[in-house]
Amino acid sequence: MALAYTPPSYDPHRETTIGTVQPTAPHYSLLLKIDPDNYPKVIGDLAESWTISQDHKTYTFKNS
């Protein structure tokens, strides 16, 4: 995706514009992410597997 925008800085903790978030996002991993080939399926990024408690209040993530 091309952006015709120059971000104020590349510090994603300070900036909130799409001009900063989009180019820096590939440098960060998440526990889970949306499957780009099968939206809205959720897949693991750092998490290899996870379980959800019966009351849906506790999520337990596992990784290697």
PDB file of N, CA and C in Angstrom:
ATOM      1  N   MET A   1       0.844  -1.162   0.000  1.00  0.00           N
ATOM      2  CA  MET A   1       0.000   0.000   0.000  1.00  0.00           C
ATOM      3  C   MET A   1       0.894   1.230   0.000  1.00  0.00           C
ATOM      4  N   ALA A   2       0.663   2.126  -0.879  1.00  0.00           N
ATOM      5  CA  ALA A   2       1.437   3.365  -0.951  1.00  0.00           C
ATOM      6  C   ALA A   2       0.726   4.470  -0.175  1.00  0.00           C
ATOM      7  N   LEU A   3       1.505   5.232   0.555  1.00  0.00           N
ATOM      8  CA  LEU A   3       0.964   6.367   1.293  1.00  0.00           C
ATOM      9  C   LEU A   3       1.665   7.634   0.833  1.00  0.00           C
ATOM     10  N   ALA A   4       0.908   8.627   0.473  1.00  0.00           N
ATOM     11  CA  ALA A   4       1.480   9.923   0.089  1.00  0.00           C
ATOM     12  C   ALA A   4       1.513  10.799   1.331  1.00  0.00           C
ATOM     13  N   TYR A   5       2.335  10.387   2.287  1.00  0.00           N
ATOM     14  CA  TYR A   5       2.349  11.052   3.577  1.00  0.00           C
ATOM     15  C   TYR A   5       3.722  10.862   4.200  1.00  0.00           C
ATOM     16  N   THR A   6       4.251  11.882   4.786  1.00  0.00           N
ATOM     17  CA  THR A   6       5.506  11.787   5.520  1.00  0.00           C
ATOM     18  C   THR A   6       5.180  11.847   7.006  1.00  0.00           C
ATOM     19  N   PRO A   7       5.457  10.774   7.737  1.00  0.00           N
ATOM     20  CA  PRO A   7       5.126  10.784   9.159  1.00  0.00           C
ATOM     21  C   PRO A   7       6.002  11.769   9.929  1.00  0.00           C
ATOM     22  N   PRO A   8       5.479  12.330  11.021  1.00  0.00           N
ATOM     23  CA  PRO A   8       6.267  13.251  11.833  1.00  0.00           C
ATOM     24  C   PRO A   8       7.515  12.584  12.410  1.00  0.00           C
ATOM     25  N   SER A   9       7.400  11.287  12.745  1.00  0.00           N
ATOM     26  CA  SER A   9       8.538  10.485  13.200  1.00  0.00           C
ATOM     27  C   SER A   9       8.161   9.023  12.985  1.00  0.00           C
ATOM     28  N   TYR A  10       9.116   8.138  13.188  1.00  0.00           N
ATOM     29  CA  TYR A  10       8.823   6.706  13.072  1.00  0.00           C
ATOM     30  C   TYR A  10       8.710   6.049  14.444  1.00  0.00           C
ATOM     31  N   ASP A  11       8.387   6.835  15.448  1.00  0.00           N
ATOM     32  CA  ASP A  11       8.196   6.325  16.798  1.00  0.00           C
ATOM     33  C   ASP A  11       6.724   5.940  16.968  1.00  0.00           C
ATOM     34  N   PRO A  12       6.385   4.650  16.874  1.00  0.00           N
ATOM     35  CA  PRO A  12       4.983   4.245  16.944  1.00  0.00           C
ATOM     36  C   PRO A  12       4.363   4.433  18.324  1.00  0.00           C
ATOM     37  N   HIS A  13       5.184   4.665  19.346  1.00  0.00           N
ATOM     38  CA  HIS A  13       4.646   4.895  20.685  1.00  0.00           C
ATOM     39  C   HIS A  13       4.220   6.348  20.864  1.00  0.00           C
ATOM     40  N   ARG A  14       4.742   7.213  20.035  1.00  0.00           N
ATOM     41  CA  ARG A  14       4.409   8.636  20.142  1.00  0.00           C
ATOM     42  C   ARG A  14       3.402   9.056  19.071  1.00  0.00           C
ATOM     43  N   GLU A  15       3.526   8.524  17.888  1.00  0.00           N
ATOM     44  CA  GLU A  15       2.671   8.926  16.767  1.00  0.00           C
ATOM     45  C   GLU A  15       1.462   8.009  16.657  1.00  0.00           C
ATOM     46  N   THR A  16       0.364   8.534  16.138  1.00  0.00           N
ATOM     47  CA  THR A  16      -0.854   7.730  16.004  1.00  0.00           C
ATOM     48  C   THR A  16      -1.447   7.796  14.600  1.00  0.00           C
ATOM     49  N   THR A  17      -0.773   8.435  13.680  1.00  0.00           N
ATOM     50  CA  THR A  17      -1.328   8.572  12.336  1.00  0.00           C
ATOM     51  C   THR A  17      -1.080   7.311  11.518  1.00  0.00           C
ATOM     52  N   ILE A  18      -1.911   7.083  10.516  1.00  0.00           N
ATOM     53  CA  ILE A  18      -1.735   5.929   9.626  1.00  0.00           C
ATOM     54  C   ILE A  18      -0.401   6.023   8.899  1.00  0.00           C
ATOM     55  N   GLY A  19       0.089   7.232   8.710  1.00  0.00           N
ATOM     56  CA  GLY A  19       1.382   7.418   8.060  1.00  0.00           C
ATOM     57  C   GLY A  19       2.536   6.853   8.863  1.00  0.00           C
ATOM     58  N   THR A  20       2.347   6.678  10.166  1.00  0.00           N
ATOM     59  CA  THR A  20       3.364   6.062  11.017  1.00  0.00           C
ATOM     60  C   THR A  20       3.040   4.597  11.290  1.00  0.00           C
ATOM     61  N   VAL A  21       1.796   4.318  11.581  1.00  0.00           N
ATOM     62  CA  VAL A  21       1.401   2.958  11.937  1.00  0.00           C
ATOM     63  C   VAL A  21       1.630   1.989  10.781  1.00  0.00           C
ATOM     64  N   GLN A  22       1.218   2.337   9.591  1.00  0.00           N
ATOM     65  CA  GLN A  22       1.320   1.432   8.448  1.00  0.00           C
ATOM     66  C   GLN A  22       2.765   1.013   8.146  1.00  0.00           C
ATOM     67  N   PRO A  23       3.730   1.926   8.056  1.00  0.00           N
ATOM     68  CA  PRO A  23       5.086   1.478   7.737  1.00  0.00           C
ATOM     69  C   PRO A  23       5.820   0.785   8.887  1.00  0.00           C
ATOM     70  N   THR A  24       5.419   1.023  10.136  1.00  0.00           N
ATOM     71  CA  THR A  24       6.123   0.390  11.251  1.00  0.00           C
ATOM     72  C   THR A  24       5.474  -0.907  11.718  1.00  0.00           C
ATOM     73  N   ALA A  25       4.234  -1.175  11.357  1.00  0.00           N
ATOM     74  CA  ALA A  25       3.515  -2.363  11.817  1.00  0.00           C
ATOM     75  C   ALA A  25       4.235  -3.676  11.507  1.00  0.00           C
ATOM     76  N   PRO A  26       4.879  -3.839  10.352  1.00  0.00           N
ATOM     77  CA  PRO A  26       5.561  -5.113  10.084  1.00  0.00           C
ATOM     78  C   PRO A  26       6.720  -5.420  11.026  1.00  0.00           C
ATOM     79  N   HIS A  27       7.157  -4.461  11.817  1.00  0.00           N
ATOM     80  CA  HIS A  27       8.284  -4.674  12.724  1.00  0.00           C
ATOM     81  C   HIS A  27       7.842  -5.191  14.090  1.00  0.00           C
ATOM     82  N   TYR A  28       6.547  -5.379  14.289  1.00  0.00           N
ATOM     83  CA  TYR A  28       6.018  -5.814  15.571  1.00  0.00           C
ATOM     84  C   TYR A  28       5.211  -7.090  15.410  1.00  0.00           C
ATOM     85  N   SER A  29       5.292  -7.952  16.417  1.00  0.00           N
ATOM     86  CA  SER A  29       4.505  -9.176  16.437  1.00  0.00           C
ATOM     87  C   SER A  29       3.381  -9.025  17.454  1.00  0.00           C
ATOM     88  N   LEU A  30       2.330  -9.780  17.251  1.00  0.00           N
ATOM     89  CA  LEU A  30       1.167  -9.771  18.128  1.00  0.00           C
ATOM     90  C   LEU A  30       0.922 -11.176  18.653  1.00  0.00           C
ATOM     91  N   LEU A  31       0.157 -11.314  19.715  1.00  0.00           N
ATOM     92  CA  LEU A  31      -0.234 -12.650  20.148  1.00  0.00           C
ATOM     93  C   LEU A  31      -1.095 -13.302  19.074  1.00  0.00           C
ATOM     94  N   LEU A  32      -2.077 -12.561  18.587  1.00  0.00           N
ATOM     95  CA  LEU A  32      -2.998 -13.037  17.561  1.00  0.00           C
ATOM     96  C   LEU A  32      -3.088 -11.995  16.464  1.00  0.00           C
ATOM     97  N   LYS A  33      -3.549 -12.413  15.303  1.00  0.00           N
ATOM     98  CA  LYS A  33      -3.768 -11.472  14.210  1.00  0.00           C
ATOM     99  C   LYS A  33      -4.903 -11.984  13.332  1.00  0.00           C
ATOM    100  N   ILE A  34      -5.407 -11.135  12.498  1.00  0.00           N
ATOM    101  CA  ILE A  34      -6.443 -11.514  11.543  1.00  0.00           C
ATOM    102  C   ILE A  34      -5.775 -12.216  10.364  1.00  0.00           C
ATOM    103  N   ASP A  35      -6.318 -13.339   9.969  1.00  0.00           N
ATOM    104  CA  ASP A  35      -5.794 -14.074   8.814  1.00  0.00           C
ATOM    105  C   ASP A  35      -6.056 -13.257   7.556  1.00  0.00           C
ATOM    106  N   PRO A  36      -5.011 -12.778   6.881  1.00  0.00           N
ATOM    107  CA  PRO A  36      -5.225 -11.930   5.708  1.00  0.00           C
ATOM    108  C   PRO A  36      -5.891 -12.658   4.536  1.00  0.00           C
ATOM    109  N   ASP A  37      -5.819 -13.995   4.541  1.00  0.00           N
ATOM    110  CA  ASP A  37      -6.426 -14.764   3.454  1.00  0.00           C
ATOM    111  C   ASP A  37      -7.811 -15.291   3.789  1.00  0.00           C
ATOM    112  N   ASN A  38      -8.240 -15.123   5.032  1.00  0.00           N
ATOM    113  CA  ASN A  38      -9.520 -15.693   5.447  1.00  0.00           C
ATOM    114  C   ASN A  38     -10.189 -14.810   6.507  1.00  0.00           C
ATOM    115  N   TYR A  39     -10.396 -13.538   6.190  1.00  0.00           N
ATOM    116  CA  TYR A  39     -11.039 -12.598   7.110  1.00  0.00           C
ATOM    117  C   TYR A  39     -12.451 -13.065   7.418  1.00  0.00           C
ATOM    118  N   PRO A  40     -12.913 -13.034   8.630  1.00  0.00           N
ATOM    119  CA  PRO A  40     -12.367 -12.485   9.864  1.00  0.00           C
ATOM    120  C   PRO A  40     -11.735 -13.535  10.776  1.00  0.00           C
ATOM    121  N   LYS A  41     -11.221 -14.614  10.228  1.00  0.00           N
ATOM    122  CA  LYS A  41     -10.593 -15.663  11.038  1.00  0.00           C
ATOM    123  C   LYS A  41      -9.392 -15.104  11.804  1.00  0.00           C
ATOM    124  N   VAL A  42      -9.287 -15.497  13.068  1.00  0.00           N
ATOM    125  CA  VAL A  42      -8.156 -15.098  13.919  1.00  0.00           C
ATOM    126  C   VAL A  42      -7.153 -16.244  13.945  1.00  0.00           C
ATOM    127  N   ILE A  43      -5.883 -15.910  13.744  1.00  0.00           N
ATOM    128  CA  ILE A  43      -4.820 -16.913  13.763  1.00  0.00           C
ATOM    129  C   ILE A  43      -3.729 -16.461  14.737  1.00  0.00           C
ATOM    130  N   GLY A  44      -2.876 -17.376  15.124  1.00  0.00           N
ATOM    131  CA  GLY A  44      -1.784 -17.045  16.020  1.00  0.00           C
ATOM    132  C   GLY A  44      -0.667 -16.317  15.293  1.00  0.00           C
ATOM    133  N   ASP A  45      -0.032 -15.405  15.999  1.00  0.00           N
ATOM    134  CA  ASP A  45       1.187 -14.770  15.509  1.00  0.00           C
ATOM    135  C   ASP A  45       2.309 -15.270  16.419  1.00  0.00           C
ATOM    136  N   LEU A  46       2.415 -14.763  17.638  1.00  0.00           N
ATOM    137  CA  LEU A  46       3.340 -15.327  18.617  1.00  0.00           C
ATOM    138  C   LEU A  46       2.728 -16.545  19.317  1.00  0.00           C
ATOM    139  N   ALA A  47       1.427 -16.514  19.501  1.00  0.00           N
ATOM    140  CA  ALA A  47       0.747 -17.627  20.167  1.00  0.00           C
ATOM    141  C   ALA A  47       0.593 -18.789  19.193  1.00  0.00           C
ATOM    142  N   GLU A  48       0.997 -19.960  19.636  1.00  0.00           N
ATOM    143  CA  GLU A  48       0.804 -21.163  18.817  1.00  0.00           C
ATOM    144  C   GLU A  48      -0.597 -21.732  19.011  1.00  0.00           C
ATOM    145  N   SER A  49      -1.121 -21.559  20.230  1.00  0.00           N
ATOM    146  CA  SER A  49      -2.479 -22.022  20.524  1.00  0.00           C
ATOM    147  C   SER A  49      -3.009 -21.217  21.701  1.00  0.00           C
ATOM    148  N   TRP A  50      -4.295 -21.305  21.924  1.00  0.00           N
ATOM    149  CA  TRP A  50      -4.919 -20.604  23.040  1.00  0.00           C
ATOM    150  C   TRP A  50      -6.219 -21.279  23.394  1.00  0.00           C
ATOM    151  N   THR A  51      -6.606 -21.102  24.652  1.00  0.00           N
ATOM    152  CA  THR A  51      -7.882 -21.608  25.127  1.00  0.00           C
ATOM    153  C   THR A  51      -8.636 -20.454  25.781  1.00  0.00           C
ATOM    154  N   ILE A  52      -9.945 -20.576  25.772  1.00  0.00           N
ATOM    155  CA  ILE A  52     -10.816 -19.561  26.355  1.00  0.00           C
ATOM    156  C   ILE A  52     -11.664 -20.258  27.411  1.00  0.00           C
ATOM    157  N   SER A  53     -11.723 -19.668  28.595  1.00  0.00           N
ATOM    158  CA  SER A  53     -12.507 -20.265  29.676  1.00  0.00           C
ATOM    159  C   SER A  53     -13.990 -20.269  29.319  1.00  0.00           C
ATOM    160  N   GLN A  54     -14.738 -21.100  30.025  1.00  0.00           N
ATOM    161  CA  GLN A  54     -16.172 -21.215  29.738  1.00  0.00           C
ATOM    162  C   GLN A  54     -16.919 -19.906  29.932  1.00  0.00           C
ATOM    163  N   ASP A  55     -16.450 -19.074  30.867  1.00  0.00           N
ATOM    164  CA  ASP A  55     -17.129 -17.793  31.088  1.00  0.00           C
ATOM    165  C   ASP A  55     -16.598 -16.686  30.165  1.00  0.00           C
ATOM    166  N   HIS A  56     -15.670 -17.035  29.290  1.00  0.00           N
ATOM    167  CA  HIS A  56     -15.089 -16.115  28.303  1.00  0.00           C
ATOM    168  C   HIS A  56     -14.349 -14.937  28.930  1.00  0.00           C
ATOM    169  N   LYS A  57     -13.875 -15.120  30.172  1.00  0.00           N
ATOM    170  CA  LYS A  57     -13.155 -14.040  30.843  1.00  0.00           C
ATOM    171  C   LYS A  57     -11.651 -14.283  30.928  1.00  0.00           C
ATOM    172  N   THR A  58     -11.218 -15.519  30.697  1.00  0.00           N
ATOM    173  CA  THR A  58      -9.796 -15.854  30.800  1.00  0.00           C
ATOM    174  C   THR A  58      -9.326 -16.504  29.519  1.00  0.00           C
ATOM    175  N   TYR A  59      -8.294 -15.931  28.936  1.00  0.00           N
ATOM    176  CA  TYR A  59      -7.655 -16.484  27.748  1.00  0.00           C
ATOM    177  C   TYR A  59      -6.269 -16.966  28.154  1.00  0.00           C
ATOM    178  N   THR A  60      -5.917 -18.186  27.779  1.00  0.00           N
ATOM    179  CA  THR A  60      -4.600 -18.732  28.076  1.00  0.00           C
ATOM    180  C   THR A  60      -3.883 -18.986  26.761  1.00  0.00           C
ATOM    181  N   PHE A  61      -2.740 -18.339  26.577  1.00  0.00           N
ATOM    182  CA  PHE A  61      -1.974 -18.445  25.344  1.00  0.00           C
ATOM    183  C   PHE A  61      -0.754 -19.317  25.565  1.00  0.00           C
ATOM    184  N   LYS A  62      -0.412 -20.122  24.560  1.00  0.00           N
ATOM    185  CA  LYS A  62       0.779 -20.977  24.623  1.00  0.00           C
ATOM    186  C   LYS A  62       1.660 -20.678  23.418  1.00  0.00           C
ATOM    187  N   ASN A  63       2.956 -20.667  23.679  1.00  0.00           N
ATOM    188  CA  ASN A  63       3.933 -20.556  22.595  1.00  0.00           C
ATOM    189  C   ASN A  63       5.110 -21.453  22.928  1.00  0.00           C
ATOM    190  N   SER A  64       6.026 -21.587  22.017  1.00  0.00           N
ATOM    191  CA  SER A  64       7.146 -22.510  22.258  1.00  0.00           C
ATOM    192  C   SER A  64       8.233 -21.906  23.089  1.00  0.00           C
TER     193      SER A  64
END
